[in-house]
Amino acid sequence: MKPTVKVADLPPLDKEGFLYQPSQWTPEVAELLAEQAGIRLTEAHWEIIRVLRRFYQDYDLAPAMRLLVKTVKAELGEEKGNSIYLMQLFPGSPAKLSARLAGLPKPANCL
């Protein structure tokens, strides 16, 4: 899938593609960021994004991988709360990419 996102369609992003202001996130922004990353969001992606946004609302923190897995496992069960499942949805660095698509800051322990 070739990205067709125009930078003008997105709120301001930092050099790694994270929103400067998480409050500017909308589902439409998530779709644009996903398109930019070459991902078509499915309901499985949205489940994780919703978990992340609730976590951020509660703790003002984007979880790194280990905490992301633990949180997803607690909310969605063992089948989805594992690194292999998350890697399939968010290739590369699931914690970093899922946080970016959820409009959250970069997790502290992500390179």
PDB file of N, CA and C in Angstrom:
ATOM      1  N   MET A   1       0.852  -1.172   0.000  1.00  0.00           N
ATOM      2  CA  MET A   1       0.000   0.000   0.000  1.00  0.00           C
ATOM      3  C   MET A   1       0.896   1.233   0.000  1.00  0.00           C
ATOM      4  N   LYS A   2       0.692   2.096  -0.930  1.00  0.00           N
ATOM      5  CA  LYS A   2       1.506   3.298  -1.047  1.00  0.00           C
ATOM      6  C   LYS A   2       0.834   4.441  -0.281  1.00  0.00           C
ATOM      7  N   PRO A   3       1.546   5.079   0.640  1.00  0.00           N
ATOM      8  CA  PRO A   3       0.952   6.170   1.415  1.00  0.00           C
ATOM      9  C   PRO A   3       0.529   7.336   0.530  1.00  0.00           C
ATOM     10  N   THR A   4      -0.669   7.854   0.799  1.00  0.00           N
ATOM     11  CA  THR A   4      -1.166   9.013   0.068  1.00  0.00           C
ATOM     12  C   THR A   4      -1.468  10.163   1.017  1.00  0.00           C
ATOM     13  N   VAL A   5      -0.953  10.086   2.214  1.00  0.00           N
ATOM     14  CA  VAL A   5      -1.215  11.097   3.234  1.00  0.00           C
ATOM     15  C   VAL A   5      -0.472  12.379   2.895  1.00  0.00           C
ATOM     16  N   LYS A   6      -1.196  13.472   2.996  1.00  0.00           N
ATOM     17  CA  LYS A   6      -0.576  14.784   2.832  1.00  0.00           C
ATOM     18  C   LYS A   6      -0.254  15.316   4.223  1.00  0.00           C
ATOM     19  N   VAL A   7       0.938  15.844   4.382  1.00  0.00           N
ATOM     20  CA  VAL A   7       1.356  16.376   5.686  1.00  0.00           C
ATOM     21  C   VAL A   7       0.378  17.438   6.167  1.00  0.00           C
ATOM     22  N   ALA A   8      -0.190  18.210   5.246  1.00  0.00           N
ATOM     23  CA  ALA A   8      -1.121  19.269   5.624  1.00  0.00           C
ATOM     24  C   ALA A   8      -2.390  18.715   6.276  1.00  0.00           C
ATOM     25  N   ASP A   9      -2.696  17.429   6.052  1.00  0.00           N
ATOM     26  CA  ASP A   9      -3.890  16.818   6.636  1.00  0.00           C
ATOM     27  C   ASP A   9      -3.707  16.466   8.107  1.00  0.00           C
ATOM     28  N   LEU A  10      -2.477  16.481   8.580  1.00  0.00           N
ATOM     29  CA  LEU A  10      -2.166  16.053   9.944  1.00  0.00           C
ATOM     30  C   LEU A  10      -1.839  17.240  10.847  1.00  0.00           C
ATOM     31  N   PRO A  11      -2.146  17.117  12.148  1.00  0.00           N
ATOM     32  CA  PRO A  11      -1.658  18.121  13.099  1.00  0.00           C
ATOM     33  C   PRO A  11      -0.128  18.064  13.126  1.00  0.00           C
ATOM     34  N   PRO A  12       0.524  19.045  13.735  1.00  0.00           N
ATOM     35  CA  PRO A  12       1.994  19.042  13.789  1.00  0.00           C
ATOM     36  C   PRO A  12       2.547  17.786  14.468  1.00  0.00           C
ATOM     37  N   LEU A  13       3.585  17.222  13.836  1.00  0.00           N
ATOM     38  CA  LEU A  13       4.241  16.009  14.324  1.00  0.00           C
ATOM     39  C   LEU A  13       5.699  16.300  14.625  1.00  0.00           C
ATOM     40  N   ASP A  14       6.276  15.526  15.555  1.00  0.00           N
ATOM     41  CA  ASP A  14       7.711  15.646  15.794  1.00  0.00           C
ATOM     42  C   ASP A  14       8.459  14.865  14.712  1.00  0.00           C
ATOM     43  N   LYS A  15       9.772  14.819  14.800  1.00  0.00           N
ATOM     44  CA  LYS A  15      10.577  14.192  13.745  1.00  0.00           C
ATOM     45  C   LYS A  15      10.342  12.689  13.638  1.00  0.00           C
ATOM     46  N   GLU A  16       9.776  12.071  14.682  1.00  0.00           N
ATOM     47  CA  GLU A  16       9.488  10.634  14.648  1.00  0.00           C
ATOM     48  C   GLU A  16       8.026  10.338  14.322  1.00  0.00           C
ATOM     49  N   GLY A  17       7.248  11.377  14.044  1.00  0.00           N
ATOM     50  CA  GLY A  17       5.860  11.180  13.650  1.00  0.00           C
ATOM     51  C   GLY A  17       4.855  11.153  14.779  1.00  0.00           C
ATOM     52  N   PHE A  18       5.265  11.536  15.978  1.00  0.00           N
ATOM     53  CA  PHE A  18       4.345  11.607  17.115  1.00  0.00           C
ATOM     54  C   PHE A  18       3.713  12.990  17.161  1.00  0.00           C
ATOM     55  N   LEU A  19       2.452  13.053  17.579  1.00  0.00           N
ATOM     56  CA  LEU A  19       1.781  14.342  17.733  1.00  0.00           C
ATOM     57  C   LEU A  19       2.479  15.169  18.805  1.00  0.00           C
ATOM     58  N   TYR A  20       2.659  16.453  18.528  1.00  0.00           N
ATOM     59  CA  TYR A  20       3.181  17.337  19.572  1.00  0.00           C
ATOM     60  C   TYR A  20       2.158  17.486  20.691  1.00  0.00           C
ATOM     61  N   GLN A  21       0.890  17.535  20.317  1.00  0.00           N
ATOM     62  CA  GLN A  21      -0.189  17.703  21.290  1.00  0.00           C
ATOM     63  C   GLN A  21      -1.131  16.505  21.224  1.00  0.00           C
ATOM     64  N   PRO A  22      -1.052  15.576  22.172  1.00  0.00           N
ATOM     65  CA  PRO A  22      -1.952  14.420  22.145  1.00  0.00           C
ATOM     66  C   PRO A  22      -3.431  14.804  22.082  1.00  0.00           C
ATOM     67  N   SER A  23      -3.770  15.988  22.564  1.00  0.00           N
ATOM     68  CA  SER A  23      -5.170  16.431  22.531  1.00  0.00           C
ATOM     69  C   SER A  23      -5.676  16.655  21.106  1.00  0.00           C
ATOM     70  N   GLN A  24      -4.775  16.710  20.129  1.00  0.00           N
ATOM     71  CA  GLN A  24      -5.185  16.908  18.734  1.00  0.00           C
ATOM     72  C   GLN A  24      -5.520  15.594  18.035  1.00  0.00           C
ATOM     73  N   TRP A  25      -5.425  14.488  18.759  1.00  0.00           N
ATOM     74  CA  TRP A  25      -5.722  13.183  18.177  1.00  0.00           C
ATOM     75  C   TRP A  25      -7.213  13.035  17.918  1.00  0.00           C
ATOM     76  N   THR A  26      -7.550  12.442  16.800  1.00  0.00           N
ATOM     77  CA  THR A  26      -8.906  12.016  16.470  1.00  0.00           C
ATOM     78  C   THR A  26      -8.787  10.661  15.776  1.00  0.00           C
ATOM     79  N   PRO A  27      -9.878   9.921  15.662  1.00  0.00           N
ATOM     80  CA  PRO A  27      -9.807   8.674  14.892  1.00  0.00           C
ATOM     81  C   PRO A  27      -9.341   8.909  13.452  1.00  0.00           C
ATOM     82  N   GLU A  28      -9.713  10.045  12.888  1.00  0.00           N
ATOM     83  CA  GLU A  28      -9.286  10.360  11.527  1.00  0.00           C
ATOM     84  C   GLU A  28      -7.772  10.562  11.466  1.00  0.00           C
ATOM     85  N   VAL A  29      -7.205  11.196  12.482  1.00  0.00           N
ATOM     86  CA  VAL A  29      -5.747  11.361  12.555  1.00  0.00           C
ATOM     87  C   VAL A  29      -5.090   9.986  12.645  1.00  0.00           C
ATOM     88  N   ALA A  30      -5.668   9.088  13.439  1.00  0.00           N
ATOM     89  CA  ALA A  30      -5.122   7.728  13.548  1.00  0.00           C
ATOM     90  C   ALA A  30      -5.110   7.049  12.185  1.00  0.00           C
ATOM     91  N   GLU A  31      -6.184   7.199  11.431  1.00  0.00           N
ATOM     92  CA  GLU A  31      -6.256   6.603  10.091  1.00  0.00           C
ATOM     93  C   GLU A  31      -5.162   7.173   9.188  1.00  0.00           C
ATOM     94  N   LEU A  32      -4.951   8.478   9.256  1.00  0.00           N
ATOM     95  CA  LEU A  32      -3.916   9.111   8.429  1.00  0.00           C
ATOM     96  C   LEU A  32      -2.521   8.660   8.838  1.00  0.00           C
ATOM     97  N   LEU A  33      -2.273   8.591  10.138  1.00  0.00           N
ATOM     98  CA  LEU A  33      -0.966   8.126  10.614  1.00  0.00           C
ATOM     99  C   LEU A  33      -0.730   6.669  10.215  1.00  0.00           C
ATOM    100  N   ALA A  34      -1.783   5.863  10.291  1.00  0.00           N
ATOM    101  CA  ALA A  34      -1.665   4.457   9.896  1.00  0.00           C
ATOM    102  C   ALA A  34      -1.366   4.350   8.405  1.00  0.00           C
ATOM    103  N   GLU A  35      -2.066   5.128   7.606  1.00  0.00           N
ATOM    104  CA  GLU A  35      -1.816   5.123   6.162  1.00  0.00           C
ATOM    105  C   GLU A  35      -0.369   5.514   5.878  1.00  0.00           C
ATOM    106  N   GLN A  36       0.105   6.509   6.587  1.00  0.00           N
ATOM    107  CA  GLN A  36       1.490   6.956   6.441  1.00  0.00           C
ATOM    108  C   GLN A  36       2.465   5.822   6.776  1.00  0.00           C
ATOM    109  N   ALA A  37       2.085   4.971   7.729  1.00  0.00           N
ATOM    110  CA  ALA A  37       2.929   3.845   8.142  1.00  0.00           C
ATOM    111  C   ALA A  37       2.684   2.592   7.295  1.00  0.00           C
ATOM    112  N   GLY A  38       1.770   2.692   6.330  1.00  0.00           N
ATOM    113  CA  GLY A  38       1.475   1.550   5.475  1.00  0.00           C
ATOM    114  C   GLY A  38       0.576   0.511   6.119  1.00  0.00           C
ATOM    115  N   ILE A  39      -0.262   0.939   7.058  1.00  0.00           N
ATOM    116  CA  ILE A  39      -1.156   0.029   7.788  1.00  0.00           C
ATOM    117  C   ILE A  39      -2.606   0.436   7.537  1.00  0.00           C
ATOM    118  N   ARG A  40      -3.453  -0.561   7.307  1.00  0.00           N
ATOM    119  CA  ARG A  40      -4.896  -0.332   7.241  1.00  0.00           C
ATOM    120  C   ARG A  40      -5.472  -0.794   8.574  1.00  0.00           C
ATOM    121  N   LEU A  41      -6.048   0.135   9.310  1.00  0.00           N
ATOM    122  CA  LEU A  41      -6.552  -0.188  10.645  1.00  0.00           C
ATOM    123  C   LEU A  41      -7.784  -1.081  10.575  1.00  0.00           C
ATOM    124  N   THR A  42      -7.738  -2.157  11.346  1.00  0.00           N
ATOM    125  CA  THR A  42      -8.862  -3.081  11.478  1.00  0.00           C
ATOM    126  C   THR A  42      -9.410  -2.952  12.899  1.00  0.00           C
ATOM    127  N   GLU A  43     -10.474  -3.672  13.184  1.00  0.00           N
ATOM    128  CA  GLU A  43     -11.027  -3.650  14.539  1.00  0.00           C
ATOM    129  C   GLU A  43      -9.996  -4.135  15.557  1.00  0.00           C
ATOM    130  N   ALA A  44      -9.146  -5.071  15.153  1.00  0.00           N
ATOM    131  CA  ALA A  44      -8.096  -5.557  16.061  1.00  0.00           C
ATOM    132  C   ALA A  44      -7.144  -4.424  16.447  1.00  0.00           C
ATOM    133  N   HIS A  45      -6.791  -3.576  15.483  1.00  0.00           N
ATOM    134  CA  HIS A  45      -5.936  -2.415  15.775  1.00  0.00           C
ATOM    135  C   HIS A  45      -6.659  -1.450  16.719  1.00  0.00           C
ATOM    136  N   TRP A  46      -7.944  -1.196  16.417  1.00  0.00           N
ATOM    137  CA  TRP A  46      -8.701  -0.240  17.225  1.00  0.00           C
ATOM    138  C   TRP A  46      -8.843  -0.711  18.670  1.00  0.00           C
ATOM    139  N   GLU A  47      -8.963  -2.020  18.885  1.00  0.00           N
ATOM    140  CA  GLU A  47      -9.027  -2.540  20.262  1.00  0.00           C
ATOM    141  C   GLU A  47      -7.786  -2.119  21.044  1.00  0.00           C
ATOM    142  N   ILE A  48      -6.630  -2.285  20.433  1.00  0.00           N
ATOM    143  CA  ILE A  48      -5.370  -1.940  21.101  1.00  0.00           C
ATOM    144  C   ILE A  48      -5.270  -0.432  21.285  1.00  0.00           C
ATOM    145  N   ILE A  49      -5.660   0.326  20.274  1.00  0.00           N
ATOM    146  CA  ILE A  49      -5.624   1.790  20.372  1.00  0.00           C
ATOM    147  C   ILE A  49      -6.512   2.264  21.520  1.00  0.00           C
ATOM    148  N   ARG A  50      -7.696   1.684  21.645  1.00  0.00           N
ATOM    149  CA  ARG A  50      -8.596   2.077  22.752  1.00  0.00           C
ATOM    150  C   ARG A  50      -7.983   1.734  24.111  1.00  0.00           C
ATOM    151  N   VAL A  51      -7.361   0.560  24.215  1.00  0.00           N
ATOM    152  CA  VAL A  51      -6.684   0.180  25.468  1.00  0.00           C
ATOM    153  C   VAL A  51      -5.597   1.201  25.795  1.00  0.00           C
ATOM    154  N   LEU A  52      -4.804   1.556  24.800  1.00  0.00           N
ATOM    155  CA  LEU A  52      -3.721   2.524  25.011  1.00  0.00           C
ATOM    156  C   LEU A  52      -4.249   3.883  25.444  1.00  0.00           C
ATOM    157  N   ARG A  53      -5.311   4.348  24.819  1.00  0.00           N
ATOM    158  CA  ARG A  53      -5.846   5.671  25.151  1.00  0.00           C
ATOM    159  C   ARG A  53      -6.418   5.683  26.570  1.00  0.00           C
ATOM    160  N   ARG A  54      -7.066   4.587  26.973  1.00  0.00           N
ATOM    161  CA  ARG A  54      -7.560   4.502  28.361  1.00  0.00           C
ATOM    162  C   ARG A  54      -6.393   4.497  29.341  1.00  0.00           C
ATOM    163  N   PHE A  55      -5.360   3.721  29.011  1.00  0.00           N
ATOM    164  CA  PHE A  55      -4.181   3.654  29.873  1.00  0.00           C
ATOM    165  C   PHE A  55      -3.568   5.046  30.023  1.00  0.00           C
ATOM    166  N   TYR A  56      -3.424   5.762  28.918  1.00  0.00           N
ATOM    167  CA  TYR A  56      -2.836   7.105  28.954  1.00  0.00           C
ATOM    168  C   TYR A  56      -3.716   8.056  29.768  1.00  0.00           C
ATOM    169  N   GLN A  57      -5.022   7.932  29.603  1.00  0.00           N
ATOM    170  CA  GLN A  57      -5.939   8.786  30.362  1.00  0.00           C
ATOM    171  C   GLN A  57      -5.799   8.530  31.868  1.00  0.00           C
ATOM    172  N   ASP A  58      -5.617   7.272  32.237  1.00  0.00           N
ATOM    173  CA  ASP A  58      -5.496   6.913  33.655  1.00  0.00           C
ATOM    174  C   ASP A  58      -4.133   7.255  34.256  1.00  0.00           C
ATOM    175  N   TYR A  59      -3.054   7.083  33.482  1.00  0.00           N
ATOM    176  CA  TYR A  59      -1.704   7.182  34.039  1.00  0.00           C
ATOM    177  C   TYR A  59      -0.832   8.279  33.433  1.00  0.00           C
ATOM    178  N   ASP A  60      -1.338   8.975  32.413  1.00  0.00           N
ATOM    179  CA  ASP A  60      -0.573  10.030  31.743  1.00  0.00           C
ATOM    180  C   ASP A  60       0.787   9.499  31.277  1.00  0.00           C
ATOM    181  N   LEU A  61       0.768   8.303  30.713  1.00  0.00           N
ATOM    182  CA  LEU A  61       1.982   7.602  30.330  1.00  0.00           C
ATOM    183  C   LEU A  61       1.660   6.657  29.183  1.00  0.00           C
ATOM    184  N   ALA A  62       2.534   6.620  28.181  1.00  0.00           N
ATOM    185  CA  ALA A  62       2.418   5.630  27.107  1.00  0.00           C
ATOM    186  C   ALA A  62       3.256   4.422  27.520  1.00  0.00           C
ATOM    187  N   PRO A  63       2.654   3.239  27.606  1.00  0.00           N
ATOM    188  CA  PRO A  63       3.393   2.082  28.119  1.00  0.00           C
ATOM    189  C   PRO A  63       4.444   1.556  27.146  1.00  0.00           C
ATOM    190  N   ALA A  64       5.599   1.189  27.681  1.00  0.00           N
ATOM    191  CA  ALA A  64       6.619   0.488  26.902  1.00  0.00           C
ATOM    192  C   ALA A  64       6.122  -0.944  26.692  1.00  0.00           C
ATOM    193  N   MET A  65       6.852  -1.731  25.933  1.00  0.00           N
ATOM    194  CA  MET A  65       6.381  -3.037  25.469  1.00  0.00           C
ATOM    195  C   MET A  65       5.910  -3.967  26.587  1.00  0.00           C
ATOM    196  N   ARG A  66       6.704  -4.157  27.597  1.00  0.00           N
ATOM    197  CA  ARG A  66       6.332  -5.105  28.659  1.00  0.00           C
ATOM    198  C   ARG A  66       5.022  -4.693  29.334  1.00  0.00           C
ATOM    199  N   LEU A  67       4.882  -3.411  29.632  1.00  0.00           N
ATOM    200  CA  LEU A  67       3.659  -2.921  30.266  1.00  0.00           C
ATOM    201  C   LEU A  67       2.489  -2.947  29.282  1.00  0.00           C
ATOM    202  N   LEU A  68       2.749  -2.701  28.008  1.00  0.00           N
ATOM    203  CA  LEU A  68       1.702  -2.792  26.987  1.00  0.00           C
ATOM    204  C   LEU A  68       1.140  -4.213  26.937  1.00  0.00           C
ATOM    205  N   VAL A  69       2.014  -5.200  26.877  1.00  0.00           N
ATOM    206  CA  VAL A  69       1.582  -6.604  26.839  1.00  0.00           C
ATOM    207  C   VAL A  69       0.753  -6.931  28.082  1.00  0.00           C
ATOM    208  N   LYS A  70       1.233  -6.528  29.239  1.00  0.00           N
ATOM    209  CA  LYS A  70       0.533  -6.799  30.505  1.00  0.00           C
ATOM    210  C   LYS A  70      -0.854  -6.143  30.520  1.00  0.00           C
ATOM    211  N   THR A  71      -0.931  -4.907  30.045  1.00  0.00           N
ATOM    212  CA  THR A  71      -2.193  -4.168  30.036  1.00  0.00           C
ATOM    213  C   THR A  71      -3.184  -4.783  29.053  1.00  0.00           C
ATOM    214  N   VAL A  72      -2.717  -5.101  27.851  1.00  0.00           N
ATOM    215  CA  VAL A  72      -3.590  -5.724  26.852  1.00  0.00           C
ATOM    216  C   VAL A  72      -4.072  -7.081  27.361  1.00  0.00           C
ATOM    217  N   LYS A  73      -3.193  -7.837  27.969  1.00  0.00           N
ATOM    218  CA  LYS A  73      -3.562  -9.150  28.518  1.00  0.00           C
ATOM    219  C   LYS A  73      -4.648  -8.996  29.583  1.00  0.00           C
ATOM    220  N   ALA A  74      -4.502  -8.010  30.450  1.00  0.00           N
ATOM    221  CA  ALA A  74      -5.486  -7.783  31.515  1.00  0.00           C
ATOM    222  C   ALA A  74      -6.844  -7.367  30.947  1.00  0.00           C
ATOM    223  N   GLU A  75      -6.838  -6.575  29.878  1.00  0.00           N
ATOM    224  CA  GLU A  75      -8.094  -6.057  29.332  1.00  0.00           C
ATOM    225  C   GLU A  75      -8.717  -6.935  28.256  1.00  0.00           C
ATOM    226  N   LEU A  76      -7.885  -7.588  27.446  1.00  0.00           N
ATOM    227  CA  LEU A  76      -8.407  -8.316  26.284  1.00  0.00           C
ATOM    228  C   LEU A  76      -8.135  -9.814  26.314  1.00  0.00           C
ATOM    229  N   GLY A  77      -7.390 -10.267  27.316  1.00  0.00           N
ATOM    230  CA  GLY A  77      -7.124 -11.695  27.436  1.00  0.00           C
ATOM    231  C   GLY A  77      -5.771 -12.114  26.900  1.00  0.00           C
ATOM    232  N   GLU A  78      -5.419 -13.344  27.233  1.00  0.00           N
ATOM    233  CA  GLU A  78      -4.102 -13.889  26.906  1.00  0.00           C
ATOM    234  C   GLU A  78      -3.856 -14.000  25.401  1.00  0.00           C
ATOM    235  N   GLU A  79      -4.905 -14.300  24.647  1.00  0.00           N
ATOM    236  CA  GLU A  79      -4.767 -14.462  23.197  1.00  0.00           C
ATOM    237  C   GLU A  79      -4.243 -13.183  22.530  1.00  0.00           C
ATOM    238  N   LYS A  80      -4.649 -12.033  23.046  1.00  0.00           N
ATOM    239  CA  LYS A  80      -4.237 -10.753  22.462  1.00  0.00           C
ATOM    240  C   LYS A  80      -3.130 -10.080  23.264  1.00  0.00           C
ATOM    241  N   GLY A  81      -2.976 -10.469  24.506  1.00  0.00           N
ATOM    242  CA  GLY A  81      -1.967  -9.863  25.369  1.00  0.00           C
ATOM    243  C   GLY A  81      -0.650 -10.586  25.292  1.00  0.00           C
ATOM    244  N   ASN A  82      -0.074 -10.622  24.092  1.00  0.00           N
ATOM    245  CA  ASN A  82       1.252 -11.222  23.928  1.00  0.00           C
ATOM    246  C   ASN A  82       1.999 -10.499  22.818  1.00  0.00           C
ATOM    247  N   SER A  83       3.304 -10.557  22.869  1.00  0.00           N
ATOM    248  CA  SER A  83       4.127  -9.774  21.945  1.00  0.00           C
ATOM    249  C   SER A  83       3.975 -10.222  20.495  1.00  0.00           C
ATOM    250  N   ILE A  84       3.732 -11.500  20.250  1.00  0.00           N
ATOM    251  CA  ILE A  84       3.583 -11.975  18.864  1.00  0.00           C
ATOM    252  C   ILE A  84       2.344 -11.352  18.224  1.00  0.00           C
ATOM    253  N   TYR A  85       1.233 -11.361  18.925  1.00  0.00           N
ATOM    254  CA  TYR A  85      -0.001 -10.756  18.420  1.00  0.00           C
ATOM    255  C   TYR A  85       0.212  -9.266  18.133  1.00  0.00           C
ATOM    256  N   LEU A  86       0.826  -8.573  19.073  1.00  0.00           N
ATOM    257  CA  LEU A  86       1.047  -7.136  18.902  1.00  0.00           C
ATOM    258  C   LEU A  86       2.009  -6.849  17.751  1.00  0.00           C
ATOM    259  N   MET A  87       3.016  -7.702  17.560  1.00  0.00           N
ATOM    260  CA  MET A  87       3.957  -7.531  16.440  1.00  0.00           C
ATOM    261  C   MET A  87       3.252  -7.712  15.098  1.00  0.00           C
ATOM    262  N   GLN A  88       2.270  -8.595  15.050  1.00  0.00           N
ATOM    263  CA  GLN A  88       1.527  -8.796  13.806  1.00  0.00           C
ATOM    264  C   GLN A  88       0.710  -7.563  13.454  1.00  0.00           C
ATOM    265  N   LEU A  89       0.163  -6.912  14.455  1.00  0.00           N
ATOM    266  CA  LEU A  89      -0.646  -5.714  14.215  1.00  0.00           C
ATOM    267  C   LEU A  89       0.210  -4.473  13.979  1.00  0.00           C
ATOM    268  N   PHE A  90       1.262  -4.347  14.770  1.00  0.00           N
ATOM    269  CA  PHE A  90       2.109  -3.151  14.755  1.00  0.00           C
ATOM    270  C   PHE A  90       3.559  -3.586  14.552  1.00  0.00           C
ATOM    271  N   PRO A  91       3.951  -3.874  13.303  1.00  0.00           N
ATOM    272  CA  PRO A  91       5.292  -4.414  13.025  1.00  0.00           C
ATOM    273  C   PRO A  91       6.419  -3.477  13.459  1.00  0.00           C
ATOM    274  N   GLY A  92       7.541  -4.075  13.758  1.00  0.00           N
ATOM    275  CA  GLY A  92       8.714  -3.300  14.163  1.00  0.00           C
ATOM    276  C   GLY A  92       8.755  -3.154  15.664  1.00  0.00           C
ATOM    277  N   SER A  93       8.234  -2.047  16.138  1.00  0.00           N
ATOM    278  CA  SER A  93       8.169  -1.768  17.571  1.00  0.00           C
ATOM    279  C   SER A  93       6.708  -1.526  17.945  1.00  0.00           C
ATOM    280  N   PRO A  94       5.992  -2.566  18.381  1.00  0.00           N
ATOM    281  CA  PRO A  94       4.564  -2.411  18.669  1.00  0.00           C
ATOM    282  C   PRO A  94       4.234  -1.294  19.660  1.00  0.00           C
ATOM    283  N   ALA A  95       5.013  -1.154  20.714  1.00  0.00           N
ATOM    284  CA  ALA A  95       4.724  -0.111  21.706  1.00  0.00           C
ATOM    285  C   ALA A  95       4.854   1.274  21.077  1.00  0.00           C
ATOM    286  N   LYS A  96       5.891   1.463  20.303  1.00  0.00           N
ATOM    287  CA  LYS A  96       6.137   2.766  19.676  1.00  0.00           C
ATOM    288  C   LYS A  96       5.086   3.069  18.604  1.00  0.00           C
ATOM    289  N   LEU A  97       4.852   2.124  17.705  1.00  0.00           N
ATOM    290  CA  LEU A  97       3.917   2.362  16.606  1.00  0.00           C
ATOM    291  C   LEU A  97       2.484   2.494  17.110  1.00  0.00           C
ATOM    292  N   SER A  98       2.077   1.641  18.025  1.00  0.00           N
ATOM    293  CA  SER A  98       0.704   1.736  18.533  1.00  0.00           C
ATOM    294  C   SER A  98       0.495   3.038  19.307  1.00  0.00           C
ATOM    295  N   ALA A  99       1.494   3.475  20.057  1.00  0.00           N
ATOM    296  CA  ALA A  99       1.387   4.758  20.764  1.00  0.00           C
ATOM    297  C   ALA A  99       1.263   5.905  19.769  1.00  0.00           C
ATOM    298  N   ARG A 100       2.052   5.853  18.699  1.00  0.00           N
ATOM    299  CA  ARG A 100       1.993   6.914  17.681  1.00  0.00           C
ATOM    300  C   ARG A 100       0.606   6.974  17.053  1.00  0.00           C
ATOM    301  N   LEU A 101       0.050   5.820  16.697  1.00  0.00           N
ATOM    302  CA  LEU A 101      -1.272   5.794  16.077  1.00  0.00           C
ATOM    303  C   LEU A 101      -2.368   6.186  17.060  1.00  0.00           C
ATOM    304  N   ALA A 102      -2.147   5.946  18.348  1.00  0.00           N
ATOM    305  CA  ALA A 102      -3.114   6.323  19.385  1.00  0.00           C
ATOM    306  C   ALA A 102      -2.975   7.789  19.795  1.00  0.00           C
ATOM    307  N   GLY A 103      -2.020   8.492  19.203  1.00  0.00           N
ATOM    308  CA  GLY A 103      -1.839   9.911  19.503  1.00  0.00           C
ATOM    309  C   GLY A 103      -1.128  10.183  20.807  1.00  0.00           C
ATOM    310  N   LEU A 104      -0.407   9.194  21.316  1.00  0.00           N
ATOM    311  CA  LEU A 104       0.283   9.334  22.600  1.00  0.00           C
ATOM    312  C   LEU A 104       1.739   9.717  22.390  1.00  0.00           C
ATOM    313  N   PRO A 105       2.394  10.199  23.437  1.00  0.00           N
ATOM    314  CA  PRO A 105       3.835  10.455  23.341  1.00  0.00           C
ATOM    315  C   PRO A 105       4.592   9.138  23.157  1.00  0.00           C
ATOM    316  N   LYS A 106       5.816   9.240  22.703  1.00  0.00           N
ATOM    317  CA  LYS A 106       6.666   8.063  22.536  1.00  0.00           C
ATOM    318  C   LYS A 106       6.920   7.430  23.904  1.00  0.00           C
ATOM    319  N   PRO A 107       6.726   6.107  24.017  1.00  0.00           N
ATOM    320  CA  PRO A 107       7.031   5.446  25.291  1.00  0.00           C
ATOM    321  C   PRO A 107       8.492   5.658  25.683  1.00  0.00           C
ATOM    322  N   ALA A 108       8.737   5.819  26.951  1.00  0.00           N
ATOM    323  CA  ALA A 108      10.066   6.185  27.455  1.00  0.00           C
ATOM    324  C   ALA A 108      11.163   5.209  27.070  1.00  0.00           C
ATOM    325  N   ASN A 109      10.903   3.915  27.064  1.00  0.00           N
ATOM    326  CA  ASN A 109      11.957   2.935  26.803  1.00  0.00           C
ATOM    327  C   ASN A 109      12.067   2.514  25.350  1.00  0.00           C
ATOM    328  N   CYS A 110      11.421   3.207  24.434  1.00  0.00           N
ATOM    329  CA  CYS A 110      11.467   2.830  23.021  1.00  0.00           C
ATOM    330  C   CYS A 110      12.540   3.624  22.291  1.00  0.00           C
ATOM    331  N   LEU A 111      13.322   2.917  21.502  1.00  0.00           N
ATOM    332  CA  LEU A 111      14.382   3.562  20.717  1.00  0.00           C
ATOM    333  C   LEU A 111      13.805   4.243  19.500  1.00  0.00           C
TER     334      LEU A 111
END
